[in-house]
Amino acid sequence: MLLGRVIGTVWATQKDEKLEGLRLLIVRAVDLELKPLSNFVIAVDTVSAGVGELVLVAQGSSARQTQETHNKPVDAVIMAIVENLNYDTIENLMREYQGREQEVSEKLNRLAET
């Protein structure tokens, strides 16, 4: 899945009949700090997302798994509007891991002494 921000819409009056009624949006990928990246996708909107909203995009065959996109020529679909993100930095996770690693090592050493 791709985390991105909706930056625009695509209007196409002439298109495959299987795309009739589907709304196409331009989604620019963002990093975890929500800074824009250079890549973007054109995605079918199945959740009524608006310009400026943070969304999750499924791509490839997964994009054709929604009720609206099943068996349609779709390669990307907006399937969620993101309200919040929670994550930790690699540095914090490494510190936490190292602390746990030390605890386990100390316990194993105590067991070995008995």
PDB file of N, CA and C in Angstrom:
ATOM      1  N   MET A   1       0.836  -1.185   0.000  1.00  0.00           N
ATOM      2  CA  MET A   1       0.000   0.000   0.000  1.00  0.00           C
ATOM      3  C   MET A   1       0.874   1.239   0.000  1.00  0.00           C
ATOM      4  N   LEU A   2       0.299   2.306  -0.471  1.00  0.00           N
ATOM      5  CA  LEU A   2       1.000   3.575  -0.563  1.00  0.00           C
ATOM      6  C   LEU A   2       0.287   4.590   0.318  1.00  0.00           C
ATOM      7  N   LEU A   3       1.064   5.336   1.091  1.00  0.00           N
ATOM      8  CA  LEU A   3       0.527   6.448   1.867  1.00  0.00           C
ATOM      9  C   LEU A   3       0.698   7.691   1.022  1.00  0.00           C
ATOM     10  N   GLY A   4      -0.373   8.435   0.822  1.00  0.00           N
ATOM     11  CA  GLY A   4      -0.272   9.600  -0.046  1.00  0.00           C
ATOM     12  C   GLY A   4      -1.284  10.669   0.295  1.00  0.00           C
ATOM     13  N   ARG A   5      -1.127  11.805  -0.394  1.00  0.00           N
ATOM     14  CA  ARG A   5      -2.052  12.924  -0.227  1.00  0.00           C
ATOM     15  C   ARG A   5      -2.711  13.204  -1.574  1.00  0.00           C
ATOM     16  N   VAL A   6      -4.021  13.383  -1.553  1.00  0.00           N
ATOM     17  CA  VAL A   6      -4.753  13.696  -2.771  1.00  0.00           C
ATOM     18  C   VAL A   6      -4.403  15.129  -3.173  1.00  0.00           C
ATOM     19  N   ILE A   7      -3.904  15.274  -4.413  1.00  0.00           N
ATOM     20  CA  ILE A   7      -3.485  16.609  -4.864  1.00  0.00           C
ATOM     21  C   ILE A   7      -4.299  17.121  -6.050  1.00  0.00           C
ATOM     22  N   GLY A   8      -5.201  16.296  -6.568  1.00  0.00           N
ATOM     23  CA  GLY A   8      -5.997  16.772  -7.692  1.00  0.00           C
ATOM     24  C   GLY A   8      -6.930  15.712  -8.235  1.00  0.00           C
ATOM     25  N   THR A   9      -7.656  16.092  -9.279  1.00  0.00           N
ATOM     26  CA  THR A   9      -8.607  15.189  -9.916  1.00  0.00           C
ATOM     27  C   THR A   9      -8.271  15.029 -11.388  1.00  0.00           C
ATOM     28  N   VAL A  10      -8.755  13.948 -11.968  1.00  0.00           N
ATOM     29  CA  VAL A  10      -8.580  13.697 -13.397  1.00  0.00           C
ATOM     30  C   VAL A  10      -9.977  13.644 -14.017  1.00  0.00           C
ATOM     31  N   TRP A  11     -10.177  14.443 -15.045  1.00  0.00           N
ATOM     32  CA  TRP A  11     -11.434  14.410 -15.799  1.00  0.00           C
ATOM     33  C   TRP A  11     -11.141  13.761 -17.128  1.00  0.00           C
ATOM     34  N   ALA A  12     -11.899  12.719 -17.471  1.00  0.00           N
ATOM     35  CA  ALA A  12     -11.723  12.032 -18.751  1.00  0.00           C
ATOM     36  C   ALA A  12     -13.121  11.717 -19.291  1.00  0.00           C
ATOM     37  N   THR A  13     -13.539  12.468 -20.277  1.00  0.00           N
ATOM     38  CA  THR A  13     -14.883  12.243 -20.818  1.00  0.00           C
ATOM     39  C   THR A  13     -14.929  11.038 -21.740  1.00  0.00           C
ATOM     40  N   GLN A  14     -13.835  10.731 -22.396  1.00  0.00           N
ATOM     41  CA  GLN A  14     -13.740   9.546 -23.245  1.00  0.00           C
ATOM     42  C   GLN A  14     -12.895   8.508 -22.508  1.00  0.00           C
ATOM     43  N   LYS A  15     -13.523   7.416 -22.104  1.00  0.00           N
ATOM     44  CA  LYS A  15     -12.799   6.370 -21.369  1.00  0.00           C
ATOM     45  C   LYS A  15     -13.491   5.035 -21.571  1.00  0.00           C
ATOM     46  N   ASP A  16     -12.831   3.981 -21.176  1.00  0.00           N
ATOM     47  CA  ASP A  16     -13.398   2.643 -21.242  1.00  0.00           C
ATOM     48  C   ASP A  16     -14.728   2.631 -20.489  1.00  0.00           C
ATOM     49  N   GLU A  17     -15.691   1.941 -21.038  1.00  0.00           N
ATOM     50  CA  GLU A  17     -17.024   1.924 -20.422  1.00  0.00           C
ATOM     51  C   GLU A  17     -17.012   1.347 -19.009  1.00  0.00           C
ATOM     52  N   LYS A  18     -16.047   0.483 -18.704  1.00  0.00           N
ATOM     53  CA  LYS A  18     -15.955  -0.078 -17.348  1.00  0.00           C
ATOM     54  C   LYS A  18     -15.521   0.972 -16.319  1.00  0.00           C
ATOM     55  N   LEU A  19     -14.996   2.105 -16.784  1.00  0.00           N
ATOM     56  CA  LEU A  19     -14.584   3.176 -15.868  1.00  0.00           C
ATOM     57  C   LEU A  19     -15.681   4.219 -15.664  1.00  0.00           C
ATOM     58  N   GLU A  20     -16.788   4.083 -16.375  1.00  0.00           N
ATOM     59  CA  GLU A  20     -17.886   5.035 -16.225  1.00  0.00           C
ATOM     60  C   GLU A  20     -18.345   5.093 -14.773  1.00  0.00           C
ATOM     61  N   GLY A  21     -18.514   6.292 -14.266  1.00  0.00           N
ATOM     62  CA  GLY A  21     -18.997   6.480 -12.900  1.00  0.00           C
ATOM     63  C   GLY A  21     -17.925   6.434 -11.833  1.00  0.00           C
ATOM     64  N   LEU A  22     -16.695   6.105 -12.206  1.00  0.00           N
ATOM     65  CA  LEU A  22     -15.603   6.058 -11.224  1.00  0.00           C
ATOM     66  C   LEU A  22     -14.896   7.411 -11.174  1.00  0.00           C
ATOM     67  N   ARG A  23     -14.583   7.863  -9.980  1.00  0.00           N
ATOM     68  CA  ARG A  23     -13.894   9.130  -9.781  1.00  0.00           C
ATOM     69  C   ARG A  23     -12.391   8.868  -9.723  1.00  0.00           C
ATOM     70  N   LEU A  24     -11.631   9.610 -10.520  1.00  0.00           N
ATOM     71  CA  LEU A  24     -10.175   9.446 -10.566  1.00  0.00           C
ATOM     72  C   LEU A  24      -9.496  10.613  -9.871  1.00  0.00           C
ATOM     73  N   LEU A  25      -8.583  10.293  -8.944  1.00  0.00           N
ATOM     74  CA  LEU A  25      -7.849  11.318  -8.200  1.00  0.00           C
ATOM     75  C   LEU A  25      -6.350  11.125  -8.376  1.00  0.00           C
ATOM     76  N   ILE A  26      -5.623  12.235  -8.279  1.00  0.00           N
ATOM     77  CA  ILE A  26      -4.160  12.204  -8.324  1.00  0.00           C
ATOM     78  C   ILE A  26      -3.670  12.142  -6.881  1.00  0.00           C
ATOM     79  N   VAL A  27      -2.872  11.132  -6.572  1.00  0.00           N
ATOM     80  CA  VAL A  27      -2.356  10.946  -5.215  1.00  0.00           C
ATOM     81  C   VAL A  27      -0.840  10.985  -5.266  1.00  0.00           C
ATOM     82  N   ARG A  28      -0.264  11.902  -4.506  1.00  0.00           N
ATOM     83  CA  ARG A  28       1.190  12.013  -4.409  1.00  0.00           C
ATOM     84  C   ARG A  28       1.661  11.288  -3.157  1.00  0.00           C
ATOM     85  N   ALA A  29       2.633  10.420  -3.312  1.00  0.00           N
ATOM     86  CA  ALA A  29       3.170   9.659  -2.179  1.00  0.00           C
ATOM     87  C   ALA A  29       3.809  10.605  -1.164  1.00  0.00           C
ATOM     88  N   VAL A  30       3.721  10.235   0.121  1.00  0.00           N
ATOM     89  CA  VAL A  30       4.357  10.997   1.197  1.00  0.00           C
ATOM     90  C   VAL A  30       5.134  10.035   2.085  1.00  0.00           C
ATOM     91  N   ASP A  31       6.138  10.579   2.806  1.00  0.00           N
ATOM     92  CA  ASP A  31       6.874   9.746   3.758  1.00  0.00           C
ATOM     93  C   ASP A  31       6.156   9.779   5.106  1.00  0.00           C
ATOM     94  N   LEU A  32       6.737   9.143   6.119  1.00  0.00           N
ATOM     95  CA  LEU A  32       6.081   9.074   7.430  1.00  0.00           C
ATOM     96  C   LEU A  32       5.990  10.423   8.129  1.00  0.00           C
ATOM     97  N   GLU A  33       6.796  11.382   7.700  1.00  0.00           N
ATOM     98  CA  GLU A  33       6.693  12.726   8.250  1.00  0.00           C
ATOM     99  C   GLU A  33       5.754  13.578   7.400  1.00  0.00           C
ATOM    100  N   LEU A  34       5.063  12.916   6.467  1.00  0.00           N
ATOM    101  CA  LEU A  34       4.076  13.516   5.567  1.00  0.00           C
ATOM    102  C   LEU A  34       4.678  14.498   4.579  1.00  0.00           C
ATOM    103  N   LYS A  35       5.986  14.365   4.342  1.00  0.00           N
ATOM    104  CA  LYS A  35       6.648  15.177   3.326  1.00  0.00           C
ATOM    105  C   LYS A  35       6.426  14.532   1.965  1.00  0.00           C
ATOM    106  N   PRO A  36       6.086  15.341   0.950  1.00  0.00           N
ATOM    107  CA  PRO A  36       5.812  14.776  -0.369  1.00  0.00           C
ATOM    108  C   PRO A  36       7.035  14.112  -0.992  1.00  0.00           C
ATOM    109  N   LEU A  37       6.796  13.003  -1.664  1.00  0.00           N
ATOM    110  CA  LEU A  37       7.811  12.320  -2.442  1.00  0.00           C
ATOM    111  C   LEU A  37       7.570  12.641  -3.911  1.00  0.00           C
ATOM    112  N   SER A  38       8.443  12.193  -4.787  1.00  0.00           N
ATOM    113  CA  SER A  38       8.317  12.573  -6.191  1.00  0.00           C
ATOM    114  C   SER A  38       7.289  11.740  -6.961  1.00  0.00           C
ATOM    115  N   ASN A  39       6.978  10.530  -6.483  1.00  0.00           N
ATOM    116  CA  ASN A  39       6.071   9.677  -7.252  1.00  0.00           C
ATOM    117  C   ASN A  39       4.600   9.961  -6.941  1.00  0.00           C
ATOM    118  N   PHE A  40       3.763   9.649  -7.920  1.00  0.00           N
ATOM    119  CA  PHE A  40       2.324   9.826  -7.769  1.00  0.00           C
ATOM    120  C   PHE A  40       1.607   8.723  -8.536  1.00  0.00           C
ATOM    121  N   VAL A  41       0.308   8.542  -8.230  1.00  0.00           N
ATOM    122  CA  VAL A  41      -0.527   7.595  -8.955  1.00  0.00           C
ATOM    123  C   VAL A  41      -1.874   8.255  -9.240  1.00  0.00           C
ATOM    124  N   ILE A  42      -2.508   7.756 -10.275  1.00  0.00           N
ATOM    125  CA  ILE A  42      -3.897   8.094 -10.538  1.00  0.00           C
ATOM    126  C   ILE A  42      -4.702   6.930  -9.976  1.00  0.00           C
ATOM    127  N   ALA A  43      -5.613   7.214  -9.048  1.00  0.00           N
ATOM    128  CA  ALA A  43      -6.319   6.146  -8.351  1.00  0.00           C
ATOM    129  C   ALA A  43      -7.827   6.368  -8.388  1.00  0.00           C
ATOM    130  N   VAL A  44      -8.561   5.268  -8.443  1.00  0.00           N
ATOM    131  CA  VAL A  44     -10.014   5.321  -8.337  1.00  0.00           C
ATOM    132  C   VAL A  44     -10.353   5.576  -6.873  1.00  0.00           C
ATOM    133  N   ASP A  45     -11.269   6.512  -6.641  1.00  0.00           N
ATOM    134  CA  ASP A  45     -11.679   6.868  -5.276  1.00  0.00           C
ATOM    135  C   ASP A  45     -12.924   6.087  -4.893  1.00  0.00           C
ATOM    136  N   THR A  46     -12.805   5.219  -3.883  1.00  0.00           N
ATOM    137  CA  THR A  46     -13.966   4.446  -3.415  1.00  0.00           C
ATOM    138  C   THR A  46     -14.454   4.898  -2.047  1.00  0.00           C
ATOM    139  N   VAL A  47     -13.823   5.954  -1.496  1.00  0.00           N
ATOM    140  CA  VAL A  47     -14.171   6.388  -0.128  1.00  0.00           C
ATOM    141  C   VAL A  47     -14.536   7.870  -0.050  1.00  0.00           C
ATOM    142  N   SER A  48     -14.754   8.506  -1.185  1.00  0.00           N
ATOM    143  CA  SER A  48     -15.111   9.932  -1.244  1.00  0.00           C
ATOM    144  C   SER A  48     -14.043  10.823  -0.623  1.00  0.00           C
ATOM    145  N   ALA A  49     -12.798  10.555  -0.952  1.00  0.00           N
ATOM    146  CA  ALA A  49     -11.687  11.381  -0.467  1.00  0.00           C
ATOM    147  C   ALA A  49     -11.712  12.727  -1.177  1.00  0.00           C
ATOM    148  N   GLY A  50     -11.162  13.727  -0.504  1.00  0.00           N
ATOM    149  CA  GLY A  50     -11.101  15.058  -1.094  1.00  0.00           C
ATOM    150  C   GLY A  50      -9.668  15.521  -1.264  1.00  0.00           C
ATOM    151  N   VAL A  51      -9.502  16.548  -2.068  1.00  0.00           N
ATOM    152  CA  VAL A  51      -8.169  17.123  -2.270  1.00  0.00           C
ATOM    153  C   VAL A  51      -7.624  17.563  -0.918  1.00  0.00           C
ATOM    154  N   GLY A  52      -6.362  17.208  -0.669  1.00  0.00           N
ATOM    155  CA  GLY A  52      -5.706  17.547   0.589  1.00  0.00           C
ATOM    156  C   GLY A  52      -5.741  16.438   1.622  1.00  0.00           C
ATOM    157  N   GLU A  53      -6.582  15.434   1.431  1.00  0.00           N
ATOM    158  CA  GLU A  53      -6.693  14.373   2.433  1.00  0.00           C
ATOM    159  C   GLU A  53      -5.574  13.350   2.290  1.00  0.00           C
ATOM    160  N   LEU A  54      -5.194  12.795   3.435  1.00  0.00           N
ATOM    161  CA  LEU A  54      -4.206  11.739   3.510  1.00  0.00           C
ATOM    162  C   LEU A  54      -4.929  10.411   3.304  1.00  0.00           C
ATOM    163  N   VAL A  55      -4.425   9.576   2.390  1.00  0.00           N
ATOM    164  CA  VAL A  55      -5.137   8.347   2.021  1.00  0.00           C
ATOM    165  C   VAL A  55      -4.191   7.158   1.910  1.00  0.00           C
ATOM    166  N   LEU A  56      -4.781   5.958   1.920  1.00  0.00           N
ATOM    167  CA  LEU A  56      -4.053   4.726   1.624  1.00  0.00           C
ATOM    168  C   LEU A  56      -4.505   4.241   0.251  1.00  0.00           C
ATOM    169  N   VAL A  57      -3.538   3.867  -0.564  1.00  0.00           N
ATOM    170  CA  VAL A  57      -3.808   3.408  -1.920  1.00  0.00           C
ATOM    171  C   VAL A  57      -3.311   1.979  -2.064  1.00  0.00           C
ATOM    172  N   ALA A  58      -4.184   1.110  -2.557  1.00  0.00           N
ATOM    173  CA  ALA A  58      -3.785  -0.252  -2.920  1.00  0.00           C
ATOM    174  C   ALA A  58      -3.509  -0.250  -4.417  1.00  0.00           C
ATOM    175  N   GLN A  59      -2.498  -1.031  -4.816  1.00  0.00           N
ATOM    176  CA  GLN A  59      -2.117  -1.046  -6.220  1.00  0.00           C
ATOM    177  C   GLN A  59      -2.063  -2.465  -6.764  1.00  0.00           C
ATOM    178  N   GLY A  60      -2.013  -2.563  -8.074  1.00  0.00           N
ATOM    179  CA  GLY A  60      -1.927  -3.866  -8.731  1.00  0.00           C
ATOM    180  C   GLY A  60      -3.230  -4.632  -8.617  1.00  0.00           C
ATOM    181  N   SER A  61      -3.135  -5.958  -8.536  1.00  0.00           N
ATOM    182  CA  SER A  61      -4.353  -6.777  -8.482  1.00  0.00           C
ATOM    183  C   SER A  61      -5.190  -6.479  -7.245  1.00  0.00           C
ATOM    184  N   SER A  62      -4.562  -6.015  -6.165  1.00  0.00           N
ATOM    185  CA  SER A  62      -5.310  -5.648  -4.956  1.00  0.00           C
ATOM    186  C   SER A  62      -6.265  -4.488  -5.215  1.00  0.00           C
ATOM    187  N   ALA A  63      -5.948  -3.655  -6.189  1.00  0.00           N
ATOM    188  CA  ALA A  63      -6.809  -2.516  -6.511  1.00  0.00           C
ATOM    189  C   ALA A  63      -8.130  -2.966  -7.112  1.00  0.00           C
ATOM    190  N   ARG A  64      -8.200  -4.192  -7.576  1.00  0.00           N
ATOM    191  CA  ARG A  64      -9.434  -4.693  -8.183  1.00  0.00           C
ATOM    192  C   ARG A  64     -10.244  -5.561  -7.220  1.00  0.00           C
ATOM    193  N   GLN A  65      -9.985  -5.428  -5.926  1.00  0.00           N
ATOM    194  CA  GLN A  65     -10.674  -6.239  -4.927  1.00  0.00           C
ATOM    195  C   GLN A  65     -11.849  -5.532  -4.270  1.00  0.00           C
ATOM    196  N   THR A  66     -12.080  -4.258  -4.578  1.00  0.00           N
ATOM    197  CA  THR A  66     -13.213  -3.551  -3.975  1.00  0.00           C
ATOM    198  C   THR A  66     -14.465  -3.813  -4.805  1.00  0.00           C
ATOM    199  N   GLN A  67     -15.609  -3.560  -4.215  1.00  0.00           N
ATOM    200  CA  GLN A  67     -16.874  -3.753  -4.923  1.00  0.00           C
ATOM    201  C   GLN A  67     -16.941  -2.872  -6.172  1.00  0.00           C
ATOM    202  N   GLU A  68     -16.447  -1.647  -6.074  1.00  0.00           N
ATOM    203  CA  GLU A  68     -16.521  -0.705  -7.195  1.00  0.00           C
ATOM    204  C   GLU A  68     -15.534  -1.009  -8.318  1.00  0.00           C
ATOM    205  N   THR A  69     -14.416  -1.678  -7.994  1.00  0.00           N
ATOM    206  CA  THR A  69     -13.365  -1.878  -8.994  1.00  0.00           C
ATOM    207  C   THR A  69     -13.231  -3.314  -9.487  1.00  0.00           C
ATOM    208  N   HIS A  70     -14.043  -4.222  -8.976  1.00  0.00           N
ATOM    209  CA  HIS A  70     -13.942  -5.643  -9.339  1.00  0.00           C
ATOM    210  C   HIS A  70     -14.057  -5.817 -10.854  1.00  0.00           C
ATOM    211  N   ASN A  71     -13.081  -6.529 -11.432  1.00  0.00           N
ATOM    212  CA  ASN A  71     -13.047  -6.827 -12.875  1.00  0.00           C
ATOM    213  C   ASN A  71     -13.036  -5.574 -13.752  1.00  0.00           C
ATOM    214  N   LYS A  72     -12.426  -4.512 -13.260  1.00  0.00           N
ATOM    215  CA  LYS A  72     -12.319  -3.282 -14.048  1.00  0.00           C
ATOM    216  C   LYS A  72     -10.851  -2.975 -14.292  1.00  0.00           C
ATOM    217  N   PRO A  73     -10.538  -2.230 -15.357  1.00  0.00           N
ATOM    218  CA  PRO A  73      -9.141  -1.936 -15.692  1.00  0.00           C
ATOM    219  C   PRO A  73      -8.543  -0.866 -14.768  1.00  0.00           C
ATOM    220  N   VAL A  74      -8.322  -1.261 -13.526  1.00  0.00           N
ATOM    221  CA  VAL A  74      -7.859  -0.346 -12.483  1.00  0.00           C
ATOM    222  C   VAL A  74      -6.554  -0.873 -11.901  1.00  0.00           C
ATOM    223  N   ASP A  75      -5.580   0.010 -11.719  1.00  0.00           N
ATOM    224  CA  ASP A  75      -4.296  -0.385 -11.143  1.00  0.00           C
ATOM    225  C   ASP A  75      -4.040   0.241  -9.777  1.00  0.00           C
ATOM    226  N   ALA A  76      -4.885   1.216  -9.376  1.00  0.00           N
ATOM    227  CA  ALA A  76      -4.714   1.863  -8.071  1.00  0.00           C
ATOM    228  C   ALA A  76      -6.087   2.290  -7.562  1.00  0.00           C
ATOM    229  N   VAL A  77      -6.308   2.091  -6.261  1.00  0.00           N
ATOM    230  CA  VAL A  77      -7.591   2.463  -5.662  1.00  0.00           C
ATOM    231  C   VAL A  77      -7.349   3.092  -4.296  1.00  0.00           C
ATOM    232  N   ILE A  78      -8.028   4.200  -4.043  1.00  0.00           N
ATOM    233  CA  ILE A  78      -8.010   4.805  -2.700  1.00  0.00           C
ATOM    234  C   ILE A  78      -9.026   4.026  -1.889  1.00  0.00           C
ATOM    235  N   MET A  79      -8.533   3.315  -0.850  1.00  0.00           N
ATOM    236  CA  MET A  79      -9.434   2.482  -0.075  1.00  0.00           C
ATOM    237  C   MET A  79      -9.503   2.854   1.397  1.00  0.00           C
ATOM    238  N   ALA A  80      -8.870   3.986   1.781  1.00  0.00           N
ATOM    239  CA  ALA A  80      -8.980   4.463   3.163  1.00  0.00           C
ATOM    240  C   ALA A  80      -8.543   5.919   3.242  1.00  0.00           C
ATOM    241  N   ILE A  81      -9.240   6.658   4.089  1.00  0.00           N
ATOM    242  CA  ILE A  81      -8.827   8.011   4.446  1.00  0.00           C
ATOM    243  C   ILE A  81      -8.162   7.903   5.815  1.00  0.00           C
ATOM    244  N   VAL A  82      -6.949   8.405   5.934  1.00  0.00           N
ATOM    245  CA  VAL A  82      -6.149   8.259   7.156  1.00  0.00           C
ATOM    246  C   VAL A  82      -6.409   9.446   8.088  1.00  0.00           C
ATOM    247  N   GLU A  83      -6.845   9.136   9.303  1.00  0.00           N
ATOM    248  CA  GLU A  83      -7.056  10.185  10.303  1.00  0.00           C
ATOM    249  C   GLU A  83      -5.828  10.397  11.179  1.00  0.00           C
ATOM    250  N   ASN A  84      -5.058   9.314  11.400  1.00  0.00           N
ATOM    251  CA  ASN A  84      -3.939   9.411  12.332  1.00  0.00           C
ATOM    252  C   ASN A  84      -2.903   8.347  12.003  1.00  0.00           C
ATOM    253  N   LEU A  85      -1.640   8.648  12.306  1.00  0.00           N
ATOM    254  CA  LEU A  85      -0.533   7.701  12.170  1.00  0.00           C
ATOM    255  C   LEU A  85       0.225   7.647  13.483  1.00  0.00           C
ATOM    256  N   ASN A  86       0.600   6.461  13.906  1.00  0.00           N
ATOM    257  CA  ASN A  86       1.461   6.299  15.073  1.00  0.00           C
ATOM    258  C   ASN A  86       2.637   5.431  14.668  1.00  0.00           C
ATOM    259  N   TYR A  87       3.827   5.924  14.899  1.00  0.00           N
ATOM    260  CA  TYR A  87       5.020   5.139  14.595  1.00  0.00           C
ATOM    261  C   TYR A  87       6.158   5.634  15.468  1.00  0.00           C
ATOM    262  N   ASP A  88       7.219   4.837  15.540  1.00  0.00           N
ATOM    263  CA  ASP A  88       8.397   5.193  16.319  1.00  0.00           C
ATOM    264  C   ASP A  88       9.586   5.257  15.376  1.00  0.00           C
ATOM    265  N   THR A  89      10.628   5.952  15.796  1.00  0.00           N
ATOM    266  CA  THR A  89      11.827   6.043  14.972  1.00  0.00           C
ATOM    267  C   THR A  89      12.664   4.775  15.123  1.00  0.00           C
ATOM    268  N   ILE A  90      13.469   4.491  14.148  1.00  0.00           N
ATOM    269  CA  ILE A  90      14.366   3.330  14.197  1.00  0.00           C
ATOM    270  C   ILE A  90      15.304   3.453  15.398  1.00  0.00           C
ATOM    271  N   GLU A  91      15.767   4.669  15.678  1.00  0.00           N
ATOM    272  CA  GLU A  91      16.688   4.869  16.802  1.00  0.00           C
ATOM    273  C   GLU A  91      16.037   4.471  18.120  1.00  0.00           C
ATOM    274  N   ASN A  92      14.797   4.895  18.353  1.00  0.00           N
ATOM    275  CA  ASN A  92      14.093   4.536  19.586  1.00  0.00           C
ATOM    276  C   ASN A  92      13.855   3.037  19.668  1.00  0.00           C
ATOM    277  N   LEU A  93      13.489   2.425  18.561  1.00  0.00           N
ATOM    278  CA  LEU A  93      13.268   0.984  18.553  1.00  0.00           C
ATOM    279  C   LEU A  93      14.561   0.227  18.842  1.00  0.00           C
ATOM    280  N   MET A  94      15.680   0.701  18.299  1.00  0.00           N
ATOM    281  CA  MET A  94      16.972   0.053  18.557  1.00  0.00           C
ATOM    282  C   MET A  94      17.363   0.176  20.030  1.00  0.00           C
ATOM    283  N   ARG A  95      17.163   1.354  20.629  1.00  0.00           N
ATOM    284  CA  ARG A  95      17.465   1.526  22.054  1.00  0.00           C
ATOM    285  C   ARG A  95      16.631   0.570  22.897  1.00  0.00           C
ATOM    286  N   GLU A  96      15.345   0.462  22.578  1.00  0.00           N
ATOM    287  CA  GLU A  96      14.455  -0.430  23.305  1.00  0.00           C
ATOM    288  C   GLU A  96      14.906  -1.886  23.152  1.00  0.00           C
ATOM    289  N   TYR A  97      15.267  -2.273  21.937  1.00  0.00           N
ATOM    290  CA  TYR A  97      15.740  -3.629  21.673  1.00  0.00           C
ATOM    291  C   TYR A  97      17.019  -3.917  22.459  1.00  0.00           C
ATOM    292  N   GLN A  98      17.954  -2.970  22.447  1.00  0.00           N
ATOM    293  CA  GLN A  98      19.217  -3.172  23.153  1.00  0.00           C
ATOM    294  C   GLN A  98      18.998  -3.316  24.658  1.00  0.00           C
ATOM    295  N   GLY A  99      18.046  -2.549  25.204  1.00  0.00           N
ATOM    296  CA  GLY A  99      17.715  -2.684  26.624  1.00  0.00           C
ATOM    297  C   GLY A  99      17.155  -4.059  26.931  1.00  0.00           C
ATOM    298  N   ARG A 100      16.263  -4.536  26.092  1.00  0.00           N
ATOM    299  CA  ARG A 100      15.696  -5.879  26.285  1.00  0.00           C
ATOM    300  C   ARG A 100      16.756  -6.947  26.100  1.00  0.00           C
ATOM    301  N   GLU A 101      17.627  -6.763  25.117  1.00  0.00           N
ATOM    302  CA  GLU A 101      18.697  -7.719  24.866  1.00  0.00           C
ATOM    303  C   GLU A 101      19.598  -7.845  26.101  1.00  0.00           C
ATOM    304  N   GLN A 102      19.910  -6.723  26.720  1.00  0.00           N
ATOM    305  CA  GLN A 102      20.761  -6.735  27.916  1.00  0.00           C
ATOM    306  C   GLN A 102      20.059  -7.451  29.064  1.00  0.00           C
ATOM    307  N   GLU A 103      18.755  -7.197  29.247  1.00  0.00           N
ATOM    308  CA  GLU A 103      17.987  -7.881  30.296  1.00  0.00           C
ATOM    309  C   GLU A 103      18.037  -9.392  30.110  1.00  0.00           C
ATOM    310  N   VAL A 104      17.789  -9.843  28.909  1.00  0.00           N
ATOM    311  CA  VAL A 104      17.785 -11.282  28.620  1.00  0.00           C
ATOM    312  C   VAL A 104      19.171 -11.871  28.864  1.00  0.00           C
ATOM    313  N   SER A 105      20.200 -11.166  28.434  1.00  0.00           N
ATOM    314  CA  SER A 105      21.566 -11.641  28.628  1.00  0.00           C
ATOM    315  C   SER A 105      21.886 -11.799  30.115  1.00  0.00           C
ATOM    316  N   GLU A 106      21.472 -10.806  30.912  1.00  0.00           N
ATOM    317  CA  GLU A 106      21.720 -10.878  32.360  1.00  0.00           C
ATOM    318  C   GLU A 106      20.974 -12.051  32.985  1.00  0.00           C
ATOM    319  N   LYS A 107      19.738 -12.283  32.579  1.00  0.00           N
ATOM    320  CA  LYS A 107      18.964 -13.403  33.116  1.00  0.00           C
ATOM    321  C   LYS A 107      19.605 -14.737  32.735  1.00  0.00           C
ATOM    322  N   LEU A 108      20.080 -14.841  31.490  1.00  0.00           N
ATOM    323  CA  LEU A 108      20.741 -16.080  31.076  1.00  0.00           C
ATOM    324  C   LEU A 108      22.017 -16.312  31.847  1.00  0.00           C
ATOM    325  N   ASN A 109      22.768 -15.244  32.124  1.00  0.00           N
ATOM    326  CA  ASN A 109      24.005 -15.373  32.900  1.00  0.00           C
ATOM    327  C   ASN A 109      23.692 -15.841  34.320  1.00  0.00           C
ATOM    328  N   ARG A 110      22.617 -15.303  34.936  1.00  0.00           N
ATOM    329  CA  ARG A 110      22.245 -15.721  36.280  1.00  0.00           C
ATOM    330  C   ARG A 110      21.828 -17.192  36.303  1.00  0.00           C
ATOM    331  N   LEU A 111      21.099 -17.609  35.263  1.00  0.00           N
ATOM    332  CA  LEU A 111      20.699 -19.011  35.180  1.00  0.00           C
ATOM    333  C   LEU A 111      21.909 -19.931  35.026  1.00  0.00           C
ATOM    334  N   ALA A 112      22.862 -19.498  34.260  1.00  0.00           N
ATOM    335  CA  ALA A 112      24.060 -20.304  34.035  1.00  0.00           C
ATOM    336  C   ALA A 112      24.868 -20.463  35.311  1.00  0.00           C
ATOM    337  N   GLU A 113      24.812 -19.477  36.204  1.00  0.00           N
ATOM    338  CA  GLU A 113      25.573 -19.515  37.461  1.00  0.00           C
ATOM    339  C   GLU A 113      24.947 -20.474  38.480  1.00  0.00           C
ATOM    340  N   THR A 114      23.668 -20.765  38.322  1.00  0.00           N
ATOM    341  CA  THR A 114      23.011 -21.649  39.318  1.00  0.00           C
ATOM    342  C   THR A 114      23.085 -23.097  38.943  1.00  0.00           C
TER     343      THR A 114
END
